């Protein structure tokens, strides 16, 4: 059984990896929407798409990443696709990834010696994704395609190389293709950095120990959530009595 110290080391390492991914993404992005407004979020997820490390970024992004990853994996499985080492996928379909079309999700499976250890994932708000309104946020749209380009889970990196055709196909339908491509590359770079850091850490402690640590982190989260819910219920009860 893994000891508490190892769990704490793993937990804070995963948080640090997520934070470092965010720094890399923000500093290498092209648009002021990411560089100045920091409208982006990064996290590390385990083999079952549970969040085991996250940066202090945007809650609506962070909360949607596990669901988006599970839906993406289900989508790919239905098409007979199994993500492999060296690959990365991107999407913005809100029925799969959640949030609006401007938020592009990029995810990467992380492997160590052919064993899946988790995923590095990020989401960033792009300044324009096409559609009838500049910035792709209009109040008169009556259907999803009027808001912008809808991207279903699509491979954007293979053998650790950016697939320029896939990136250009999306960027060419926007009003600022150069900026969009720059931000996409920044997202890819952030996931690559997260991959390296995660592999370095798991190599030191072993895949089995890492898997145990992930389970312990999630268990700790569930217990804290349950205790907080009970505390809130108790406080509400006392408030009603008084």
Foldseek 3Di string as FASTA:
>chain_A
DDDPVLLVVLLVLQQVLQVVLLVLLLVQADDCQCVPVVQKWKFWAFPQLHTRYTYPGDVQQVVQRSQLVVLLCVVCVVVVHDADAFWKKKFQACVRRNDANQKIKMKHFADDPRHTTTMIIMIGGHQKQAADDGSLDDDPDPDRVNSHDGGRIDIQTHNNHGPVVVLCVRLVRIPCSVNSSSSVVSNSVSRVSSNVSVNVVCVVVPSVSSVVSSVVSVVVVVVVVVVVVVVVVVVVVVVVVD
